[in-house]
Amino acid sequence: MNLLLHGIDEASWETREHVETYVQHFLSNTLKLDNVPAFPKIHHIGPKGRKQRPIMMSFKSLDDRNRVWKSKHYI
């Protein structure tokens, strides 16, 4: 139950907390989600040094993932 988020510039100082805060802000403001789900795992994937690496989000339940997936038409 993973979802990838592409096209986000990565800062060299980012930590997991920064990434999770950014994704929660993105989901609530851009995708208009009321209850943003918690992520057991969230991290950049791919080799370091690239300006943009996708963010992989793991969800606790399939319902949370589907709710995020269905709201993508706001982008």
N, C-alpha and C. Protein backbone atom coordinates (compact mmCIF):
# COMPACT_ATOMS: atom_id res chain seq x y z
N MET A 1 0.82 -1.17 0.00
CA MET A 1 0.00 0.00 0.00
C MET A 1 0.88 1.24 0.00
N ASN A 2 1.62 1.41 -1.09
CA ASN A 2 2.52 2.54 -1.23
C ASN A 2 2.04 3.46 -2.33
N LEU A 3 2.50 4.69 -2.25
CA LEU A 3 2.18 5.69 -3.26
C LEU A 3 3.41 6.55 -3.45
N LEU A 4 3.74 6.88 -4.71
CA LEU A 4 4.89 7.72 -5.01
C LEU A 4 4.43 9.12 -5.36
N LEU A 5 5.18 10.10 -4.90
CA LEU A 5 4.92 11.51 -5.18
C LEU A 5 6.15 12.05 -5.89
N HIS A 6 5.98 12.49 -7.14
CA HIS A 6 7.09 12.94 -7.97
C HIS A 6 7.09 14.46 -8.11
N GLY A 7 8.23 15.00 -8.54
CA GLY A 7 8.32 16.40 -8.92
C GLY A 7 8.54 17.37 -7.78
N ILE A 8 9.11 16.91 -6.68
CA ILE A 8 9.34 17.78 -5.54
C ILE A 8 10.84 17.95 -5.35
N ASP A 9 11.30 19.20 -5.34
CA ASP A 9 12.73 19.45 -5.12
C ASP A 9 13.11 19.02 -3.71
N GLU A 10 14.30 18.48 -3.60
CA GLU A 10 14.77 17.99 -2.31
C GLU A 10 15.90 18.88 -1.80
N ALA A 11 15.81 19.28 -0.55
CA ALA A 11 16.88 20.03 0.09
C ALA A 11 17.83 19.05 0.76
N SER A 12 19.11 19.41 0.84
CA SER A 12 20.10 18.50 1.41
C SER A 12 19.93 18.32 2.91
N TRP A 13 19.26 19.26 3.57
CA TRP A 13 19.11 19.21 5.02
C TRP A 13 17.84 18.50 5.46
N GLU A 14 17.01 18.03 4.52
CA GLU A 14 15.72 17.45 4.88
C GLU A 14 15.86 16.20 5.74
N THR A 15 14.95 16.09 6.68
CA THR A 15 14.85 14.88 7.48
C THR A 15 13.48 14.27 7.22
N ARG A 16 13.23 13.14 7.81
CA ARG A 16 11.95 12.45 7.64
C ARG A 16 10.80 13.35 8.09
N GLU A 17 11.00 14.09 9.17
CA GLU A 17 9.96 14.96 9.70
C GLU A 17 9.62 16.08 8.71
N HIS A 18 10.65 16.63 8.04
CA HIS A 18 10.41 17.67 7.04
C HIS A 18 9.60 17.12 5.87
N VAL A 19 9.97 15.93 5.42
CA VAL A 19 9.27 15.31 4.30
C VAL A 19 7.82 15.02 4.68
N GLU A 20 7.61 14.48 5.86
CA GLU A 20 6.25 14.15 6.29
C GLU A 20 5.40 15.42 6.45
N THR A 21 5.97 16.49 6.99
CA THR A 21 5.25 17.75 7.13
C THR A 21 4.88 18.31 5.77
N TYR A 22 5.81 18.27 4.82
CA TYR A 22 5.53 18.76 3.48
C TYR A 22 4.41 17.96 2.82
N VAL A 23 4.46 16.64 2.93
CA VAL A 23 3.44 15.79 2.30
C VAL A 23 2.08 16.03 2.96
N GLN A 24 2.03 16.16 4.26
CA GLN A 24 0.75 16.43 4.93
C GLN A 24 0.18 17.78 4.49
N HIS A 25 1.04 18.77 4.37
CA HIS A 25 0.61 20.09 3.89
C HIS A 25 0.09 19.98 2.45
N PHE A 26 0.79 19.24 1.61
CA PHE A 26 0.38 19.04 0.22
C PHE A 26 -0.97 18.34 0.14
N LEU A 27 -1.16 17.28 0.93
CA LEU A 27 -2.41 16.54 0.89
C LEU A 27 -3.58 17.36 1.39
N SER A 28 -3.37 18.15 2.42
CA SER A 28 -4.48 18.92 2.97
C SER A 28 -4.81 20.15 2.12
N ASN A 29 -3.81 20.83 1.57
CA ASN A 29 -4.07 22.07 0.83
C ASN A 29 -4.31 21.83 -0.66
N THR A 30 -3.50 21.04 -1.30
CA THR A 30 -3.63 20.83 -2.74
C THR A 30 -4.70 19.81 -3.07
N LEU A 31 -4.70 18.69 -2.36
CA LEU A 31 -5.67 17.64 -2.65
C LEU A 31 -6.96 17.77 -1.86
N LYS A 32 -7.02 18.75 -0.97
CA LYS A 32 -8.24 19.06 -0.20
C LYS A 32 -8.73 17.89 0.66
N LEU A 33 -7.79 17.17 1.27
CA LEU A 33 -8.16 16.08 2.17
C LEU A 33 -8.40 16.64 3.57
N ASP A 34 -9.50 16.22 4.19
CA ASP A 34 -9.82 16.68 5.54
C ASP A 34 -8.97 15.98 6.58
N ASN A 35 -8.99 14.67 6.58
CA ASN A 35 -8.22 13.88 7.55
C ASN A 35 -7.03 13.27 6.85
N VAL A 36 -5.88 13.89 7.03
CA VAL A 36 -4.67 13.38 6.39
C VAL A 36 -4.20 12.15 7.17
N PRO A 37 -3.99 11.03 6.46
CA PRO A 37 -3.59 9.81 7.16
C PRO A 37 -2.16 9.89 7.69
N ALA A 38 -1.88 9.06 8.65
CA ALA A 38 -0.51 8.94 9.18
C ALA A 38 0.27 7.98 8.28
N PHE A 39 1.57 8.19 8.22
CA PHE A 39 2.42 7.36 7.38
C PHE A 39 3.41 6.59 8.24
N PRO A 40 3.32 5.26 8.25
CA PRO A 40 4.33 4.50 9.00
C PRO A 40 5.73 4.65 8.39
N LYS A 41 5.78 4.78 7.05
CA LYS A 41 7.05 4.98 6.35
C LYS A 41 6.87 6.07 5.32
N ILE A 42 7.82 6.98 5.28
CA ILE A 42 7.83 8.01 4.24
C ILE A 42 9.29 8.41 4.04
N HIS A 43 9.76 8.35 2.78
CA HIS A 43 11.16 8.67 2.52
C HIS A 43 11.36 8.88 1.02
N HIS A 44 12.47 9.53 0.68
CA HIS A 44 12.87 9.68 -0.72
C HIS A 44 13.47 8.37 -1.18
N ILE A 45 13.26 8.04 -2.46
CA ILE A 45 13.88 6.84 -3.01
C ILE A 45 14.77 7.24 -4.17
N GLY A 46 15.75 6.43 -4.46
CA GLY A 46 16.69 6.70 -5.53
C GLY A 46 18.01 7.19 -4.97
N PRO A 47 19.00 7.35 -5.87
CA PRO A 47 20.33 7.76 -5.42
C PRO A 47 20.35 9.21 -4.97
N LYS A 48 21.08 9.48 -3.88
CA LYS A 48 21.23 10.85 -3.39
C LYS A 48 22.02 11.66 -4.41
N GLY A 49 21.84 12.96 -4.31
CA GLY A 49 22.55 13.84 -5.22
C GLY A 49 21.70 14.34 -6.36
N ARG A 50 20.59 13.69 -6.62
CA ARG A 50 19.67 14.18 -7.64
C ARG A 50 18.83 15.30 -7.04
N LYS A 51 18.45 16.26 -7.86
CA LYS A 51 17.68 17.40 -7.37
C LYS A 51 16.27 16.98 -6.97
N GLN A 52 15.68 16.08 -7.73
CA GLN A 52 14.33 15.60 -7.44
C GLN A 52 14.35 14.09 -7.34
N ARG A 53 13.95 13.59 -6.19
CA ARG A 53 13.77 12.16 -6.01
C ARG A 53 12.33 11.94 -5.58
N PRO A 54 11.70 10.88 -6.06
CA PRO A 54 10.32 10.63 -5.63
C PRO A 54 10.23 10.32 -4.14
N ILE A 55 9.09 10.68 -3.57
CA ILE A 55 8.82 10.36 -2.17
C ILE A 55 7.90 9.15 -2.15
N MET A 56 8.29 8.14 -1.40
CA MET A 56 7.47 6.95 -1.26
C MET A 56 6.75 7.02 0.08
N MET A 57 5.42 6.89 0.02
CA MET A 57 4.60 6.93 1.23
C MET A 57 3.96 5.57 1.42
N SER A 58 4.04 5.04 2.62
CA SER A 58 3.34 3.81 2.96
C SER A 58 2.14 4.18 3.81
N PHE A 59 1.04 3.51 3.59
CA PHE A 59 -0.18 3.79 4.32
C PHE A 59 -0.49 2.63 5.26
N LYS A 60 -1.20 2.95 6.33
CA LYS A 60 -1.60 1.92 7.30
C LYS A 60 -2.71 1.04 6.74
N SER A 61 -3.58 1.64 5.92
CA SER A 61 -4.69 0.86 5.39
C SER A 61 -4.91 1.20 3.92
N LEU A 62 -5.53 0.28 3.22
CA LEU A 62 -5.84 0.48 1.82
C LEU A 62 -6.87 1.59 1.64
N ASP A 63 -7.75 1.76 2.60
CA ASP A 63 -8.75 2.83 2.53
C ASP A 63 -8.09 4.21 2.51
N ASP A 64 -7.05 4.40 3.33
CA ASP A 64 -6.32 5.67 3.34
C ASP A 64 -5.68 5.94 1.99
N ARG A 65 -5.04 4.92 1.44
CA ARG A 65 -4.38 5.06 0.14
C ARG A 65 -5.39 5.39 -0.95
N ASN A 66 -6.52 4.71 -0.96
CA ASN A 66 -7.54 4.94 -1.97
C ASN A 66 -8.14 6.34 -1.86
N ARG A 67 -8.29 6.83 -0.65
CA ARG A 67 -8.83 8.17 -0.44
C ARG A 67 -7.88 9.22 -1.03
N VAL A 68 -6.58 9.04 -0.83
CA VAL A 68 -5.60 9.95 -1.41
C VAL A 68 -5.59 9.81 -2.93
N TRP A 69 -5.64 8.59 -3.43
CA TRP A 69 -5.59 8.34 -4.86
C TRP A 69 -6.80 8.96 -5.57
N LYS A 70 -7.97 8.87 -4.96
CA LYS A 70 -9.19 9.41 -5.58
C LYS A 70 -9.22 10.93 -5.58
N SER A 71 -8.45 11.56 -4.74
CA SER A 71 -8.45 13.03 -4.66
C SER A 71 -7.46 13.66 -5.63
N LYS A 72 -6.80 12.86 -6.45
CA LYS A 72 -5.75 13.39 -7.35
C LYS A 72 -6.29 14.32 -8.43
N HIS A 73 -7.59 14.34 -8.67
CA HIS A 73 -8.15 15.19 -9.72
C HIS A 73 -8.06 16.68 -9.37
N TYR A 74 -7.67 17.02 -8.14
CA TYR A 74 -7.51 18.42 -7.75
C TYR A 74 -6.21 19.02 -8.26
N ILE A 75 -5.30 18.17 -8.71
CA ILE A 75 -3.98 18.67 -9.17
C ILE A 75 -4.11 19.23 -10.58
